[in-house]
Amino acid sequence: MGVPDWSVAAFAALVFIFAGTVKGGLGLGLPPIAMGLLVLLMSPVQAAALIVLPALATNIGQTFFGKHLPKLVHRFWPMLLAMALLTLLGTGWLESANKDLLSAGLGLVLALYAAFGLAGRTLSVPTDWEIWLGPLVGAISGALTASTGICAVPSVPYLQAANLERDELVQGLGLLFMVANLSLTANLAITGAFSLSAAPLVAIAVASALLGIVIGSWLRSRINDALFRRIFLIGLLALGLHLCGRAIL
């Protein structure tokens, strides 16, 4: 990734402010939104490399802010381990995959995630299923993370169905995304996706994401959370369908 011109830098700043705002308001959504928008101007590998540090910076705080981390790690380590391994085994998938196929896959992931949320379904996973379902969910999520640069399906719905309390779920999502970010960072480092010349753009992305977090937190305290989440999911669904349609056409 070379040094960006100001138009690309401005676009990236707006993308991360928006994605950070959603993250601050809902606790998730930064990688899917940022990836879906950034690939309109750059390759999936460049977009994924740009997302890693902003996502990691926002997820570290979410992971370690709370008292449930030991319990979450003990319960979900098989899923997290499978996700990390598949993300690492998928080294090079972002770079070698067919561009149209990758765009369609990304759009499908976004659309499925949004449709699940809009359906308002509340699934429940029996505890005795977790021993085999957790690693399966982790493996699928890891493969999708390696292929698309985002971690959302099926890991997020799985956590939502695991009968966690609200604070546990928020901290669990932070742990999930942090592990995904670290694994994707190793994946991209192996392929040489990072470049010192991209440092200014990365700095802009991190600062913009953190600004978005502040804005999102402010909005969440003043806007109905259900309405905010619905607007976000509708926009995500539209973006996913757009990417799928563009790839097909």
C-alpha atoms as a PDB file:
ATOM      1  CA  MET A   1       0.000   0.000   0.000  1.00  0.00           C
ATOM      2  CA  GLY A   2       1.625   3.239  -1.095  1.00  0.00           C
ATOM      3  CA  VAL A   3       1.337   6.690   0.436  1.00  0.00           C
ATOM      4  CA  PRO A   4      -2.259   7.749  -0.175  1.00  0.00           C
ATOM      5  CA  ASP A   5      -3.350  10.993  -1.811  1.00  0.00           C
ATOM      6  CA  TRP A   6      -5.577  13.297   0.198  1.00  0.00           C
ATOM      7  CA  SER A   7      -8.786  12.069  -1.420  1.00  0.00           C
ATOM      8  CA  VAL A   8      -8.110   8.487  -0.315  1.00  0.00           C
ATOM      9  CA  ALA A   9      -7.027   9.675   3.147  1.00  0.00           C
ATOM     10  CA  ALA A  10     -10.187  11.763   3.520  1.00  0.00           C
ATOM     11  CA  PHE A  11     -12.358   8.865   2.394  1.00  0.00           C
ATOM     12  CA  ALA A  12     -10.626   6.507   4.847  1.00  0.00           C
ATOM     13  CA  ALA A  13     -11.098   9.025   7.677  1.00  0.00           C
ATOM     14  CA  LEU A  14     -14.832   9.281   6.973  1.00  0.00           C
ATOM     15  CA  VAL A  15     -15.138   5.495   6.753  1.00  0.00           C
ATOM     16  CA  PHE A  16     -13.479   4.938  10.132  1.00  0.00           C
ATOM     17  CA  ILE A  17     -15.391   7.751  11.828  1.00  0.00           C
ATOM     18  CA  PHE A  18     -18.619   6.150  10.641  1.00  0.00           C
ATOM     19  CA  ALA A  19     -17.505   2.599  11.491  1.00  0.00           C
ATOM     20  CA  GLY A  20     -16.181   3.737  14.873  1.00  0.00           C
ATOM     21  CA  THR A  21     -19.466   5.493  15.595  1.00  0.00           C
ATOM     22  CA  VAL A  22     -21.356   2.263  15.009  1.00  0.00           C
ATOM     23  CA  LYS A  23     -18.838   0.374  17.146  1.00  0.00           C
ATOM     24  CA  GLY A  24     -19.206   2.902  19.942  1.00  0.00           C
ATOM     25  CA  GLY A  25     -22.971   2.718  19.788  1.00  0.00           C
ATOM     26  CA  LEU A  26     -23.436  -1.037  19.390  1.00  0.00           C
ATOM     27  CA  GLY A  27     -20.214  -2.708  20.522  1.00  0.00           C
ATOM     28  CA  LEU A  28     -19.550  -4.236  17.092  1.00  0.00           C
ATOM     29  CA  GLY A  29     -19.560  -3.463  13.380  1.00  0.00           C
ATOM     30  CA  LEU A  30     -16.250  -1.706  12.699  1.00  0.00           C
ATOM     31  CA  PRO A  31     -14.549  -4.320  10.459  1.00  0.00           C
ATOM     32  CA  PRO A  32     -17.612  -5.221   8.351  1.00  0.00           C
ATOM     33  CA  ILE A  33     -18.480  -1.593   7.623  1.00  0.00           C
ATOM     34  CA  ALA A  34     -14.905  -0.457   7.056  1.00  0.00           C
ATOM     35  CA  MET A  35     -14.055  -3.458   4.864  1.00  0.00           C
ATOM     36  CA  GLY A  36     -17.223  -3.116   2.823  1.00  0.00           C
ATOM     37  CA  LEU A  37     -16.555   0.560   2.075  1.00  0.00           C
ATOM     38  CA  LEU A  38     -12.768   0.502   1.683  1.00  0.00           C
ATOM     39  CA  VAL A  39     -12.840  -2.178  -1.033  1.00  0.00           C
ATOM     40  CA  LEU A  40     -14.632   0.376  -3.204  1.00  0.00           C
ATOM     41  CA  LEU A  41     -11.279   2.206  -3.540  1.00  0.00           C
ATOM     42  CA  MET A  42      -8.585  -0.362  -2.750  1.00  0.00           C
ATOM     43  CA  SER A  43      -7.848  -4.074  -2.892  1.00  0.00           C
ATOM     44  CA  PRO A  44      -9.178  -6.391  -0.152  1.00  0.00           C
ATOM     45  CA  VAL A  45      -5.617  -7.036   1.093  1.00  0.00           C
ATOM     46  CA  GLN A  46      -4.920  -3.292   1.431  1.00  0.00           C
ATOM     47  CA  ALA A  47      -8.258  -2.731   3.142  1.00  0.00           C
ATOM     48  CA  ALA A  48      -7.701  -5.590   5.596  1.00  0.00           C
ATOM     49  CA  ALA A  49      -4.208  -4.308   6.447  1.00  0.00           C
ATOM     50  CA  LEU A  50      -5.629  -0.846   7.120  1.00  0.00           C
ATOM     51  CA  ILE A  51      -8.420  -2.156   9.373  1.00  0.00           C
ATOM     52  CA  VAL A  52      -6.284  -4.309  11.692  1.00  0.00           C
ATOM     53  CA  LEU A  53      -4.859  -1.649  14.031  1.00  0.00           C
ATOM     54  CA  PRO A  54      -8.019   0.483  14.407  1.00  0.00           C
ATOM     55  CA  ALA A  55     -10.053  -2.650  15.115  1.00  0.00           C
ATOM     56  CA  LEU A  56      -7.461  -3.967  17.562  1.00  0.00           C
ATOM     57  CA  ALA A  57      -7.242  -0.639  19.410  1.00  0.00           C
ATOM     58  CA  THR A  58     -10.997  -0.523  19.950  1.00  0.00           C
ATOM     59  CA  ASN A  59     -11.334  -4.223  20.830  1.00  0.00           C
ATOM     60  CA  ILE A  60      -8.594  -4.366  23.466  1.00  0.00           C
ATOM     61  CA  GLY A  61     -10.479  -1.968  25.695  1.00  0.00           C
ATOM     62  CA  GLN A  62     -13.741  -3.842  25.150  1.00  0.00           C
ATOM     63  CA  THR A  63     -12.060  -7.149  26.047  1.00  0.00           C
ATOM     64  CA  PHE A  64     -10.397  -6.109  29.286  1.00  0.00           C
ATOM     65  CA  PHE A  65     -13.097  -3.747  30.582  1.00  0.00           C
ATOM     66  CA  GLY A  66     -15.179  -6.046  32.753  1.00  0.00           C
ATOM     67  CA  LYS A  67     -14.932  -8.929  35.202  1.00  0.00           C
ATOM     68  CA  HIS A  68     -16.013 -11.834  33.005  1.00  0.00           C
ATOM     69  CA  LEU A  69     -12.845 -12.445  30.964  1.00  0.00           C
ATOM     70  CA  PRO A  70     -11.565 -15.585  32.790  1.00  0.00           C
ATOM     71  CA  LYS A  71     -14.981 -17.247  32.556  1.00  0.00           C
ATOM     72  CA  LEU A  72     -15.356 -16.325  28.879  1.00  0.00           C
ATOM     73  CA  VAL A  73     -11.915 -17.690  27.980  1.00  0.00           C
ATOM     74  CA  HIS A  74     -12.597 -20.945  29.868  1.00  0.00           C
ATOM     75  CA  ARG A  75     -15.922 -21.422  28.104  1.00  0.00           C
ATOM     76  CA  PHE A  76     -15.111 -20.355  24.552  1.00  0.00           C
ATOM     77  CA  TRP A  77     -11.425 -21.214  24.086  1.00  0.00           C
ATOM     78  CA  PRO A  78     -12.173 -24.118  21.676  1.00  0.00           C
ATOM     79  CA  MET A  79     -14.061 -21.760  19.343  1.00  0.00           C
ATOM     80  CA  LEU A  80     -11.371 -19.062  19.619  1.00  0.00           C
ATOM     81  CA  LEU A  81      -8.549 -21.551  18.995  1.00  0.00           C
ATOM     82  CA  ALA A  82     -10.271 -23.018  15.922  1.00  0.00           C
ATOM     83  CA  MET A  83     -10.910 -19.528  14.576  1.00  0.00           C
ATOM     84  CA  ALA A  84      -7.282 -18.497  15.057  1.00  0.00           C
ATOM     85  CA  LEU A  85      -5.927 -21.661  13.414  1.00  0.00           C
ATOM     86  CA  LEU A  86      -8.168 -21.378  10.342  1.00  0.00           C
ATOM     87  CA  THR A  87      -7.332 -17.698   9.958  1.00  0.00           C
ATOM     88  CA  LEU A  88      -3.634 -18.576   9.935  1.00  0.00           C
ATOM     89  CA  LEU A  89      -4.148 -21.562   7.612  1.00  0.00           C
ATOM     90  CA  GLY A  90      -5.905 -19.164   5.225  1.00  0.00           C
ATOM     91  CA  THR A  91      -2.765 -17.104   4.680  1.00  0.00           C
ATOM     92  CA  GLY A  92      -2.823 -15.663   1.177  1.00  0.00           C
ATOM     93  CA  TRP A  93      -6.533 -16.239   0.564  1.00  0.00           C
ATOM     94  CA  LEU A  94      -7.253 -12.506   0.481  1.00  0.00           C
ATOM     95  CA  GLU A  95      -4.554 -11.988  -2.128  1.00  0.00           C
ATOM     96  CA  SER A  96      -5.095 -15.031  -4.315  1.00  0.00           C
ATOM     97  CA  ALA A  97      -8.890 -15.218  -4.359  1.00  0.00           C
ATOM     98  CA  ASN A  98     -10.843 -14.159  -7.425  1.00  0.00           C
ATOM     99  CA  LYS A  99     -11.705 -10.471  -6.959  1.00  0.00           C
ATOM    100  CA  ASP A 100     -15.342 -10.791  -8.058  1.00  0.00           C
ATOM    101  CA  LEU A 101     -15.840 -13.953  -6.022  1.00  0.00           C
ATOM    102  CA  LEU A 102     -14.296 -12.296  -2.967  1.00  0.00           C
ATOM    103  CA  SER A 103     -16.518  -9.244  -3.347  1.00  0.00           C
ATOM    104  CA  ALA A 104     -19.595 -11.454  -3.633  1.00  0.00           C
ATOM    105  CA  GLY A 105     -18.503 -13.486  -0.602  1.00  0.00           C
ATOM    106  CA  LEU A 106     -17.977 -10.369   1.444  1.00  0.00           C
ATOM    107  CA  GLY A 107     -21.375  -9.034   0.397  1.00  0.00           C
ATOM    108  CA  LEU A 108     -22.998 -12.345   1.311  1.00  0.00           C
ATOM    109  CA  VAL A 109     -21.402 -12.324   4.763  1.00  0.00           C
ATOM    110  CA  LEU A 110     -22.602  -8.776   5.384  1.00  0.00           C
ATOM    111  CA  ALA A 111     -26.111  -9.483   4.100  1.00  0.00           C
ATOM    112  CA  LEU A 112     -26.481 -12.683   6.153  1.00  0.00           C
ATOM    113  CA  TYR A 113     -25.323 -10.957   9.287  1.00  0.00           C
ATOM    114  CA  ALA A 114     -27.736  -8.050   8.726  1.00  0.00           C
ATOM    115  CA  ALA A 115     -30.657 -10.341   7.850  1.00  0.00           C
ATOM    116  CA  PHE A 116     -30.123 -12.363  11.024  1.00  0.00           C
ATOM    117  CA  GLY A 117     -30.265  -9.197  13.102  1.00  0.00           C
ATOM    118  CA  LEU A 118     -33.291  -7.770  11.301  1.00  0.00           C
ATOM    119  CA  ALA A 119     -35.176 -11.041  11.709  1.00  0.00           C
ATOM    120  CA  GLY A 120     -35.089 -10.433  15.445  1.00  0.00           C
ATOM    121  CA  ARG A 121     -34.534 -14.112  16.168  1.00  0.00           C
ATOM    122  CA  THR A 122     -33.213 -15.204  19.511  1.00  0.00           C
ATOM    123  CA  LEU A 123     -31.633 -18.635  19.205  1.00  0.00           C
ATOM    124  CA  SER A 124     -30.399 -20.607  22.189  1.00  0.00           C
ATOM    125  CA  VAL A 125     -27.447 -23.004  22.080  1.00  0.00           C
ATOM    126  CA  PRO A 126     -27.610 -25.878  24.630  1.00  0.00           C
ATOM    127  CA  THR A 127     -24.505 -25.917  26.800  1.00  0.00           C
ATOM    128  CA  ASP A 128     -23.727 -29.562  25.985  1.00  0.00           C
ATOM    129  CA  TRP A 129     -23.570 -28.667  22.252  1.00  0.00           C
ATOM    130  CA  GLU A 130     -20.701 -26.240  22.774  1.00  0.00           C
ATOM    131  CA  ILE A 131     -18.051 -28.970  22.888  1.00  0.00           C
ATOM    132  CA  TRP A 132     -18.537 -29.696  19.153  1.00  0.00           C
ATOM    133  CA  LEU A 133     -20.443 -26.651  17.876  1.00  0.00           C
ATOM    134  CA  GLY A 134     -17.953 -24.118  19.243  1.00  0.00           C
ATOM    135  CA  PRO A 135     -14.941 -25.405  17.247  1.00  0.00           C
ATOM    136  CA  LEU A 136     -17.112 -25.731  14.119  1.00  0.00           C
ATOM    137  CA  VAL A 137     -18.321 -22.144  14.424  1.00  0.00           C
ATOM    138  CA  GLY A 138     -14.751 -21.014  15.085  1.00  0.00           C
ATOM    139  CA  ALA A 139     -13.410 -22.834  12.033  1.00  0.00           C
ATOM    140  CA  ILE A 140     -16.040 -21.331   9.730  1.00  0.00           C
ATOM    141  CA  SER A 141     -15.477 -17.871  11.190  1.00  0.00           C
ATOM    142  CA  GLY A 142     -11.717 -18.248  10.767  1.00  0.00           C
ATOM    143  CA  ALA A 143     -12.077 -19.266   7.118  1.00  0.00           C
ATOM    144  CA  LEU A 144     -14.325 -16.267   6.460  1.00  0.00           C
ATOM    145  CA  THR A 145     -11.952 -13.964   8.328  1.00  0.00           C
ATOM    146  CA  ALA A 146      -9.045 -15.160   6.191  1.00  0.00           C
ATOM    147  CA  SER A 147     -11.090 -14.772   2.991  1.00  0.00           C
ATOM    148  CA  THR A 148     -12.908 -11.496   3.644  1.00  0.00           C
ATOM    149  CA  GLY A 149     -11.016  -9.726   6.442  1.00  0.00           C
ATOM    150  CA  ILE A 150     -14.033  -9.616   8.763  1.00  0.00           C
ATOM    151  CA  CYS A 151     -15.288 -11.793  11.612  1.00  0.00           C
ATOM    152  CA  ALA A 152     -19.061 -11.712  12.018  1.00  0.00           C
ATOM    153  CA  VAL A 153     -20.747 -14.883  10.766  1.00  0.00           C
ATOM    154  CA  PRO A 154     -21.451 -17.292  12.384  1.00  0.00           C
ATOM    155  CA  SER A 155     -19.471 -16.324  15.494  1.00  0.00           C
ATOM    156  CA  VAL A 156     -21.521 -13.277  16.516  1.00  0.00           C
ATOM    157  CA  PRO A 157     -24.922 -15.023  16.279  1.00  0.00           C
ATOM    158  CA  TYR A 158     -23.373 -17.967  18.152  1.00  0.00           C
ATOM    159  CA  LEU A 159     -22.328 -15.733  21.050  1.00  0.00           C
ATOM    160  CA  GLN A 160     -25.730 -14.070  21.051  1.00  0.00           C
ATOM    161  CA  ALA A 161     -27.313 -17.523  21.356  1.00  0.00           C
ATOM    162  CA  ALA A 162     -25.041 -18.630  24.203  1.00  0.00           C
ATOM    163  CA  ASN A 163     -27.337 -17.219  26.905  1.00  0.00           C
ATOM    164  CA  LEU A 164     -24.853 -14.610  28.116  1.00  0.00           C
ATOM    165  CA  GLU A 165     -25.784 -11.623  30.228  1.00  0.00           C
ATOM    166  CA  ARG A 166     -25.522  -8.223  28.563  1.00  0.00           C
ATOM    167  CA  ASP A 167     -22.117  -7.340  30.070  1.00  0.00           C
ATOM    168  CA  GLU A 168     -20.798 -10.830  29.336  1.00  0.00           C
ATOM    169  CA  LEU A 169     -21.905 -10.580  25.714  1.00  0.00           C
ATOM    170  CA  VAL A 170     -20.242  -7.203  25.184  1.00  0.00           C
ATOM    171  CA  GLN A 171     -16.993  -8.453  26.706  1.00  0.00           C
ATOM    172  CA  GLY A 172     -17.271 -11.736  24.798  1.00  0.00           C
ATOM    173  CA  LEU A 173     -17.611  -9.858  21.510  1.00  0.00           C
ATOM    174  CA  GLY A 174     -14.510  -7.847  22.359  1.00  0.00           C
ATOM    175  CA  LEU A 175     -12.578 -11.072  23.064  1.00  0.00           C
ATOM    176  CA  LEU A 176     -13.824 -12.643  19.830  1.00  0.00           C
ATOM    177  CA  PHE A 177     -12.837  -9.664  17.707  1.00  0.00           C
ATOM    178  CA  MET A 178      -9.488  -9.226  19.444  1.00  0.00           C
ATOM    179  CA  VAL A 179      -8.487 -12.837  18.716  1.00  0.00           C
ATOM    180  CA  ALA A 180      -9.664 -12.422  15.118  1.00  0.00           C
ATOM    181  CA  ASN A 181      -7.663  -9.198  14.757  1.00  0.00           C
ATOM    182  CA  LEU A 182      -4.473 -10.740  16.150  1.00  0.00           C
ATOM    183  CA  SER A 183      -4.821 -13.804  13.910  1.00  0.00           C
ATOM    184  CA  LEU A 184      -5.481 -11.675  10.845  1.00  0.00           C
ATOM    185  CA  THR A 185      -2.495  -9.494  11.707  1.00  0.00           C
ATOM    186  CA  ALA A 186      -0.250 -12.587  11.689  1.00  0.00           C
ATOM    187  CA  ASN A 187      -1.879 -13.743   8.448  1.00  0.00           C
ATOM    188  CA  LEU A 188      -1.204 -10.430   6.712  1.00  0.00           C
ATOM    189  CA  ALA A 189       2.314 -10.122   8.142  1.00  0.00           C
ATOM    190  CA  ILE A 190       3.232 -13.482   6.616  1.00  0.00           C
ATOM    191  CA  THR A 191       2.110 -12.245   3.178  1.00  0.00           C
ATOM    192  CA  GLY A 192       3.971  -8.935   3.548  1.00  0.00           C
ATOM    193  CA  ALA A 193       0.793  -6.856   3.385  1.00  0.00           C
ATOM    194  CA  PHE A 194       2.078  -4.238   5.812  1.00  0.00           C
ATOM    195  CA  SER A 195       4.228  -1.350   4.635  1.00  0.00           C
ATOM    196  CA  LEU A 196       5.864   1.533   6.483  1.00  0.00           C
ATOM    197  CA  SER A 197       4.735   3.817   3.671  1.00  0.00           C
ATOM    198  CA  ALA A 198       1.143   3.217   4.788  1.00  0.00           C
ATOM    199  CA  ALA A 199       1.842   4.428   8.350  1.00  0.00           C
ATOM    200  CA  PRO A 200       0.259   7.884   7.826  1.00  0.00           C
ATOM    201  CA  LEU A 201      -2.966   6.335   6.545  1.00  0.00           C
ATOM    202  CA  VAL A 202      -3.014   3.826   9.416  1.00  0.00           C
ATOM    203  CA  ALA A 203      -2.558   6.675  11.908  1.00  0.00           C
ATOM    204  CA  ILE A 204      -5.480   8.528  10.327  1.00  0.00           C
ATOM    205  CA  ALA A 205      -7.582   5.354  10.511  1.00  0.00           C
ATOM    206  CA  VAL A 206      -6.830   4.759  14.212  1.00  0.00           C
ATOM    207  CA  ALA A 207      -7.522   8.386  15.172  1.00  0.00           C
ATOM    208  CA  SER A 208     -10.738   8.432  13.140  1.00  0.00           C
ATOM    209  CA  ALA A 209     -11.963   5.147  14.652  1.00  0.00           C
ATOM    210  CA  LEU A 210     -11.347   6.408  18.185  1.00  0.00           C
ATOM    211  CA  LEU A 211     -13.177   9.642  17.371  1.00  0.00           C
ATOM    212  CA  GLY A 212     -16.054   7.541  16.072  1.00  0.00           C
ATOM    213  CA  ILE A 213     -16.093   5.550  19.324  1.00  0.00           C
ATOM    214  CA  VAL A 214     -16.589   8.790  21.273  1.00  0.00           C
ATOM    215  CA  ILE A 215     -19.350   9.939  18.907  1.00  0.00           C
ATOM    216  CA  GLY A 216     -21.079   6.554  19.021  1.00  0.00           C
ATOM    217  CA  SER A 217     -21.030   6.450  22.805  1.00  0.00           C
ATOM    218  CA  TRP A 218     -22.527   9.952  22.912  1.00  0.00           C
ATOM    219  CA  LEU A 219     -25.249   9.025  20.421  1.00  0.00           C
ATOM    220  CA  ARG A 220     -26.093   5.815  22.235  1.00  0.00           C
ATOM    221  CA  SER A 221     -26.934   7.730  25.387  1.00  0.00           C
ATOM    222  CA  ARG A 222     -29.333   9.971  23.452  1.00  0.00           C
ATOM    223  CA  ILE A 223     -30.898   7.787  20.744  1.00  0.00           C
ATOM    224  CA  ASN A 224     -33.095   4.727  21.132  1.00  0.00           C
ATOM    225  CA  ASP A 225     -30.700   1.775  20.914  1.00  0.00           C
ATOM    226  CA  ALA A 226     -33.156  -0.448  19.038  1.00  0.00           C
ATOM    227  CA  LEU A 227     -33.696   2.220  16.349  1.00  0.00           C
ATOM    228  CA  PHE A 228     -29.960   2.846  16.015  1.00  0.00           C
ATOM    229  CA  ARG A 229     -29.277  -0.879  15.625  1.00  0.00           C
ATOM    230  CA  ARG A 230     -32.059  -1.271  13.054  1.00  0.00           C
ATOM    231  CA  ILE A 231     -30.733   1.608  10.933  1.00  0.00           C
ATOM    232  CA  PHE A 232     -27.258   0.084  11.070  1.00  0.00           C
ATOM    233  CA  LEU A 233     -28.479  -3.371  10.021  1.00  0.00           C
ATOM    234  CA  ILE A 234     -30.520  -1.967   7.126  1.00  0.00           C
ATOM    235  CA  GLY A 235     -27.487  -0.075   5.871  1.00  0.00           C
ATOM    236  CA  LEU A 236     -25.316  -3.165   6.250  1.00  0.00           C
ATOM    237  CA  LEU A 237     -27.829  -5.256   4.319  1.00  0.00           C
ATOM    238  CA  ALA A 238     -27.910  -2.671   1.511  1.00  0.00           C
ATOM    239  CA  LEU A 239     -24.114  -2.607   1.346  1.00  0.00           C
ATOM    240  CA  GLY A 240     -23.895  -6.403   1.256  1.00  0.00           C
ATOM    241  CA  LEU A 241     -26.432  -6.643  -1.557  1.00  0.00           C
ATOM    242  CA  HIS A 242     -24.599  -3.903  -3.441  1.00  0.00           C
ATOM    243  CA  LEU A 243     -21.304  -5.793  -3.280  1.00  0.00           C
ATOM    244  CA  CYS A 244     -22.968  -9.038  -4.367  1.00  0.00           C
ATOM    245  CA  GLY A 245     -24.750  -7.317  -7.256  1.00  0.00           C
ATOM    246  CA  ARG A 246     -21.619  -5.514  -8.417  1.00  0.00           C
ATOM    247  CA  ALA A 247     -19.661  -8.775  -8.470  1.00  0.00           C
ATOM    248  CA  ILE A 248     -22.387 -10.588 -10.419  1.00  0.00           C
ATOM    249  CA  LEU A 249     -22.808  -7.792 -12.961  1.00  0.00           C
END
